[in-house]
Amino acid sequence: NEVVERFSALLDRRVGSSCRLALDLCQEPTTVRADSGLLNQVLMNLAVNAKDAMPEGGVITLTTRHCKIDEQTARSYPDAHAGLYIRLSVMDTGMGIPLEDQSRVFEPLFTTKKEGEGTGLGLATVHTIVHQHQGWLDLDSIPGGGTTFHINLPAAINPA
């Protein structure tokens, strides 16, 4: 929560006046073993994508939750393992991601943006950073109805 709260002030300036930033943070401590600079990069990449998905403005919501993943659920996601996680979600009220593109969004150089507007590296970088922290990503998107990226990072049981 601490990283998200500090980051939200920076993000508020970055998203501009057309977008509103909302926080919905878990009341219990949400501690992960992660490089805060890299976690900020993940949040910035996702927030910039969210802003770009809302050219007329909208709301970006950051949430944190505790999440217990069992063996059966872990099998549903290639990078997941059973255990305790902190789930950090970045949700927008934008246009959503077309169904045919959802399975490709983390591929390097894949972009849905117009030529010259995106490199196709933002979400690939997010995927790499989360994977380096033994985490995994998933997304919920409804074309025309917004997108939520879920970052799942192992909870630090005994934070250092």
C-alpha atoms as a PDB file:
ATOM      1  CA  ASN A   1       0.000   0.000   0.000  1.00  0.00           C
ATOM      2  CA  GLU A   2       2.838   2.378   0.826  1.00  0.00           C
ATOM      3  CA  VAL A   3       4.299   2.205  -2.702  1.00  0.00           C
ATOM      4  CA  VAL A   4       0.849   2.657  -4.250  1.00  0.00           C
ATOM      5  CA  GLU A   5       0.046   5.651  -2.045  1.00  0.00           C
ATOM      6  CA  ARG A   6       3.362   7.371  -2.831  1.00  0.00           C
ATOM      7  CA  PHE A   7       2.988   6.567  -6.510  1.00  0.00           C
ATOM      8  CA  SER A   8      -0.574   7.908  -6.668  1.00  0.00           C
ATOM      9  CA  ALA A   9       0.598  11.514  -6.179  1.00  0.00           C
ATOM     10  CA  LEU A  10       2.955  11.214  -9.155  1.00  0.00           C
ATOM     11  CA  LEU A  11       0.327   9.414 -11.191  1.00  0.00           C
ATOM     12  CA  ASP A  12      -2.313  12.028 -10.431  1.00  0.00           C
ATOM     13  CA  ARG A  13      -0.122  14.654 -12.128  1.00  0.00           C
ATOM     14  CA  ARG A  14       0.681  12.317 -15.056  1.00  0.00           C
ATOM     15  CA  VAL A  15      -2.897  11.397 -15.988  1.00  0.00           C
ATOM     16  CA  GLY A  16      -3.954  15.037 -16.216  1.00  0.00           C
ATOM     17  CA  SER A  17      -7.279  16.691 -15.578  1.00  0.00           C
ATOM     18  CA  SER A  18      -9.312  14.484 -17.930  1.00  0.00           C
ATOM     19  CA  CYS A  19      -8.867  11.398 -15.755  1.00  0.00           C
ATOM     20  CA  ARG A  20      -9.628  10.904 -12.095  1.00  0.00           C
ATOM     21  CA  LEU A  21      -7.524   8.617  -9.925  1.00  0.00           C
ATOM     22  CA  ALA A  22      -9.224   6.522  -7.237  1.00  0.00           C
ATOM     23  CA  LEU A  23      -7.590   4.314  -4.590  1.00  0.00           C
ATOM     24  CA  ASP A  24      -9.234   1.291  -2.979  1.00  0.00           C
ATOM     25  CA  LEU A  25      -6.536  -0.117  -0.717  1.00  0.00           C
ATOM     26  CA  CYS A  26      -6.739  -3.153   1.532  1.00  0.00           C
ATOM     27  CA  GLN A  27      -6.909  -2.231   5.220  1.00  0.00           C
ATOM     28  CA  GLU A  28      -4.498  -4.997   6.275  1.00  0.00           C
ATOM     29  CA  PRO A  29      -0.766  -4.654   5.536  1.00  0.00           C
ATOM     30  CA  THR A  30       0.049  -5.591   1.949  1.00  0.00           C
ATOM     31  CA  THR A  31       3.748  -6.346   1.875  1.00  0.00           C
ATOM     32  CA  VAL A  32       5.643  -7.892  -1.022  1.00  0.00           C
ATOM     33  CA  ARG A  33       9.338  -8.348  -1.660  1.00  0.00           C
ATOM     34  CA  ALA A  34       9.774  -6.151  -4.700  1.00  0.00           C
ATOM     35  CA  ASP A  35      11.972  -3.428  -6.069  1.00  0.00           C
ATOM     36  CA  SER A  36       9.867  -0.297  -5.506  1.00  0.00           C
ATOM     37  CA  GLY A  37      11.355   1.425  -8.571  1.00  0.00           C
ATOM     38  CA  LEU A  38      10.362  -1.478 -10.800  1.00  0.00           C
ATOM     39  CA  LEU A  39       6.927  -1.656  -9.193  1.00  0.00           C
ATOM     40  CA  ASN A  40       6.508   2.060  -9.938  1.00  0.00           C
ATOM     41  CA  GLN A  41       7.454   1.355 -13.563  1.00  0.00           C
ATOM     42  CA  VAL A  42       4.791  -1.373 -13.739  1.00  0.00           C
ATOM     43  CA  LEU A  43       2.172   0.990 -12.321  1.00  0.00           C
ATOM     44  CA  MET A  44       3.197   3.836 -14.625  1.00  0.00           C
ATOM     45  CA  ASN A  45       3.053   1.660 -17.753  1.00  0.00           C
ATOM     46  CA  LEU A  46      -0.390   0.352 -16.821  1.00  0.00           C
ATOM     47  CA  ALA A  47      -1.664   3.812 -15.853  1.00  0.00           C
ATOM     48  CA  VAL A  48      -0.447   5.414 -19.088  1.00  0.00           C
ATOM     49  CA  ASN A  49      -2.177   2.663 -21.073  1.00  0.00           C
ATOM     50  CA  ALA A  50      -5.328   3.237 -19.019  1.00  0.00           C
ATOM     51  CA  LYS A  51      -5.202   6.983 -19.708  1.00  0.00           C
ATOM     52  CA  ASP A  52      -4.676   6.358 -23.425  1.00  0.00           C
ATOM     53  CA  ALA A  53      -7.720   4.049 -23.442  1.00  0.00           C
ATOM     54  CA  MET A  54      -9.865   6.952 -22.191  1.00  0.00           C
ATOM     55  CA  PRO A  55      -9.380   9.828 -24.666  1.00  0.00           C
ATOM     56  CA  GLU A  56     -12.579  11.487 -23.387  1.00  0.00           C
ATOM     57  CA  GLY A  57     -11.531  11.032 -19.762  1.00  0.00           C
ATOM     58  CA  GLY A  58     -12.577   8.550 -17.133  1.00  0.00           C
ATOM     59  CA  VAL A  59     -11.485   6.910 -13.896  1.00  0.00           C
ATOM     60  CA  ILE A  60      -8.353   4.899 -13.126  1.00  0.00           C
ATOM     61  CA  THR A  61      -8.749   2.849  -9.952  1.00  0.00           C
ATOM     62  CA  LEU A  62      -5.854   1.212  -8.101  1.00  0.00           C
ATOM     63  CA  THR A  63      -6.807  -1.560  -5.680  1.00  0.00           C
ATOM     64  CA  THR A  64      -4.855  -3.857  -3.377  1.00  0.00           C
ATOM     65  CA  ARG A  65      -6.132  -7.119  -1.920  1.00  0.00           C
ATOM     66  CA  HIS A  66      -4.869 -10.237  -0.187  1.00  0.00           C
ATOM     67  CA  CYS A  67      -5.433 -13.295  -2.327  1.00  0.00           C
ATOM     68  CA  LYS A  68      -4.955 -16.998  -1.575  1.00  0.00           C
ATOM     69  CA  ILE A  69      -4.351 -19.092  -4.687  1.00  0.00           C
ATOM     70  CA  ASP A  70      -5.029 -22.813  -4.418  1.00  0.00           C
ATOM     71  CA  GLU A  71      -3.517 -25.533  -6.629  1.00  0.00           C
ATOM     72  CA  GLN A  72      -6.551 -25.738  -8.905  1.00  0.00           C
ATOM     73  CA  THR A  73      -6.614 -21.982  -9.553  1.00  0.00           C
ATOM     74  CA  ALA A  74      -2.841 -21.911 -10.061  1.00  0.00           C
ATOM     75  CA  ARG A  75      -3.168 -24.446 -12.879  1.00  0.00           C
ATOM     76  CA  SER A  76      -5.356 -21.961 -14.762  1.00  0.00           C
ATOM     77  CA  TYR A  77      -2.467 -19.497 -15.143  1.00  0.00           C
ATOM     78  CA  PRO A  78       0.904 -20.491 -16.649  1.00  0.00           C
ATOM     79  CA  ASP A  79       3.012 -18.412 -14.229  1.00  0.00           C
ATOM     80  CA  ALA A  80       0.961 -18.973 -11.061  1.00  0.00           C
ATOM     81  CA  HIS A  81       1.813 -21.123  -8.057  1.00  0.00           C
ATOM     82  CA  ALA A  82      -0.340 -21.889  -5.049  1.00  0.00           C
ATOM     83  CA  GLY A  83       0.225 -19.537  -2.133  1.00  0.00           C
ATOM     84  CA  LEU A  84      -0.536 -16.152  -0.623  1.00  0.00           C
ATOM     85  CA  TYR A  85      -0.425 -13.170  -2.958  1.00  0.00           C
ATOM     86  CA  ILE A  86      -1.015  -9.469  -2.933  1.00  0.00           C
ATOM     87  CA  ARG A  87      -3.206  -8.561  -5.888  1.00  0.00           C
ATOM     88  CA  LEU A  88      -2.674  -5.044  -7.193  1.00  0.00           C
ATOM     89  CA  SER A  89      -5.237  -4.112  -9.817  1.00  0.00           C
ATOM     90  CA  VAL A  90      -5.270  -1.194 -12.251  1.00  0.00           C
ATOM     91  CA  MET A  91      -8.754  -0.621 -13.635  1.00  0.00           C
ATOM     92  CA  ASP A  92      -9.911   1.885 -16.235  1.00  0.00           C
ATOM     93  CA  THR A  93     -13.284   2.919 -17.601  1.00  0.00           C
ATOM     94  CA  GLY A  94     -11.953   3.044 -21.148  1.00  0.00           C
ATOM     95  CA  MET A  95     -12.814   1.325 -24.396  1.00  0.00           C
ATOM     96  CA  GLY A  96     -11.584  -2.147 -23.434  1.00  0.00           C
ATOM     97  CA  ILE A  97      -9.322  -4.459 -25.417  1.00  0.00           C
ATOM     98  CA  PRO A  98     -10.738  -6.349 -28.402  1.00  0.00           C
ATOM     99  CA  LEU A  99     -11.166 -10.035 -27.584  1.00  0.00           C
ATOM    100  CA  GLU A 100      -8.851 -11.113 -30.412  1.00  0.00           C
ATOM    101  CA  ASP A 101      -6.026  -8.949 -28.976  1.00  0.00           C
ATOM    102  CA  GLN A 102      -6.306  -9.938 -25.306  1.00  0.00           C
ATOM    103  CA  SER A 103      -4.074 -13.023 -25.588  1.00  0.00           C
ATOM    104  CA  ARG A 104      -1.324 -10.987 -27.286  1.00  0.00           C
ATOM    105  CA  VAL A 105      -1.088  -7.835 -25.167  1.00  0.00           C
ATOM    106  CA  PHE A 106       2.049  -8.970 -23.297  1.00  0.00           C
ATOM    107  CA  GLU A 107       3.956  -9.868 -26.494  1.00  0.00           C
ATOM    108  CA  PRO A 108       6.925  -7.600 -27.247  1.00  0.00           C
ATOM    109  CA  LEU A 109       6.186  -5.091 -30.023  1.00  0.00           C
ATOM    110  CA  PHE A 110       2.448  -5.821 -30.053  1.00  0.00           C
ATOM    111  CA  THR A 111       0.383  -2.645 -29.895  1.00  0.00           C
ATOM    112  CA  THR A 112      -3.141  -1.585 -30.690  1.00  0.00           C
ATOM    113  CA  LYS A 113      -2.125   2.071 -30.835  1.00  0.00           C
ATOM    114  CA  LYS A 114      -1.730   4.039 -34.041  1.00  0.00           C
ATOM    115  CA  GLU A 115       1.690   4.092 -35.678  1.00  0.00           C
ATOM    116  CA  GLY A 116       4.009   6.441 -33.817  1.00  0.00           C
ATOM    117  CA  GLU A 117       1.884   6.419 -30.639  1.00  0.00           C
ATOM    118  CA  GLY A 118       3.199   3.273 -28.967  1.00  0.00           C
ATOM    119  CA  THR A 119       6.223   1.004 -29.037  1.00  0.00           C
ATOM    120  CA  GLY A 120       4.523  -2.207 -27.996  1.00  0.00           C
ATOM    121  CA  LEU A 121       7.001  -2.580 -25.137  1.00  0.00           C
ATOM    122  CA  GLY A 122       5.026  -1.233 -22.171  1.00  0.00           C
ATOM    123  CA  LEU A 123       2.993  -4.341 -21.344  1.00  0.00           C
ATOM    124  CA  ALA A 124       5.852  -6.666 -22.305  1.00  0.00           C
ATOM    125  CA  THR A 125       7.996  -4.792 -19.770  1.00  0.00           C
ATOM    126  CA  VAL A 126       5.232  -5.088 -17.165  1.00  0.00           C
ATOM    127  CA  HIS A 127       5.062  -8.848 -17.773  1.00  0.00           C
ATOM    128  CA  THR A 128       8.848  -9.228 -17.473  1.00  0.00           C
ATOM    129  CA  ILE A 129       9.081  -7.248 -14.222  1.00  0.00           C
ATOM    130  CA  VAL A 130       6.185  -9.098 -12.594  1.00  0.00           C
ATOM    131  CA  HIS A 131       7.636 -12.459 -13.696  1.00  0.00           C
ATOM    132  CA  GLN A 132      11.060 -11.483 -12.259  1.00  0.00           C
ATOM    133  CA  HIS A 133       9.312 -10.994  -8.915  1.00  0.00           C
ATOM    134  CA  GLN A 134       7.788 -14.525  -9.087  1.00  0.00           C
ATOM    135  CA  GLY A 135       4.406 -13.000  -9.850  1.00  0.00           C
ATOM    136  CA  TRP A 136       1.895 -13.303 -12.633  1.00  0.00           C
ATOM    137  CA  LEU A 137      -0.606 -11.155 -14.481  1.00  0.00           C
ATOM    138  CA  ASP A 138      -4.102 -11.554 -15.735  1.00  0.00           C
ATOM    139  CA  LEU A 139      -6.603  -9.190 -17.247  1.00  0.00           C
ATOM    140  CA  ASP A 140     -10.324  -8.666 -17.463  1.00  0.00           C
ATOM    141  CA  SER A 141     -11.503  -6.576 -20.375  1.00  0.00           C
ATOM    142  CA  ILE A 142     -14.858  -5.938 -21.938  1.00  0.00           C
ATOM    143  CA  PRO A 143     -14.701  -4.285 -25.358  1.00  0.00           C
ATOM    144  CA  GLY A 144     -16.417  -0.948 -24.849  1.00  0.00           C
ATOM    145  CA  GLY A 145     -16.477  -1.451 -21.083  1.00  0.00           C
ATOM    146  CA  GLY A 146     -13.012  -0.969 -19.623  1.00  0.00           C
ATOM    147  CA  THR A 147     -10.022  -3.078 -18.635  1.00  0.00           C
ATOM    148  CA  THR A 148      -8.515  -4.300 -15.382  1.00  0.00           C
ATOM    149  CA  PHE A 149      -4.954  -5.613 -15.152  1.00  0.00           C
ATOM    150  CA  HIS A 150      -4.285  -7.741 -12.070  1.00  0.00           C
ATOM    151  CA  ILE A 151      -0.697  -7.947 -10.796  1.00  0.00           C
ATOM    152  CA  ASN A 152      -0.281 -10.913  -8.453  1.00  0.00           C
ATOM    153  CA  LEU A 153       2.883 -10.806  -6.328  1.00  0.00           C
ATOM    154  CA  PRO A 154       3.825 -13.283  -3.593  1.00  0.00           C
ATOM    155  CA  ALA A 155       3.006 -11.878  -0.178  1.00  0.00           C
ATOM    156  CA  ALA A 156       5.984 -11.332   2.111  1.00  0.00           C
ATOM    157  CA  ILE A 157       5.093 -13.381   5.178  1.00  0.00           C
ATOM    158  CA  ASN A 158       7.941 -11.951   7.265  1.00  0.00           C
ATOM    159  CA  PRO A 159       8.872  -8.616   5.668  1.00  0.00           C
ATOM    160  CA  ALA A 160      12.515  -7.649   6.024  1.00  0.00           C
END
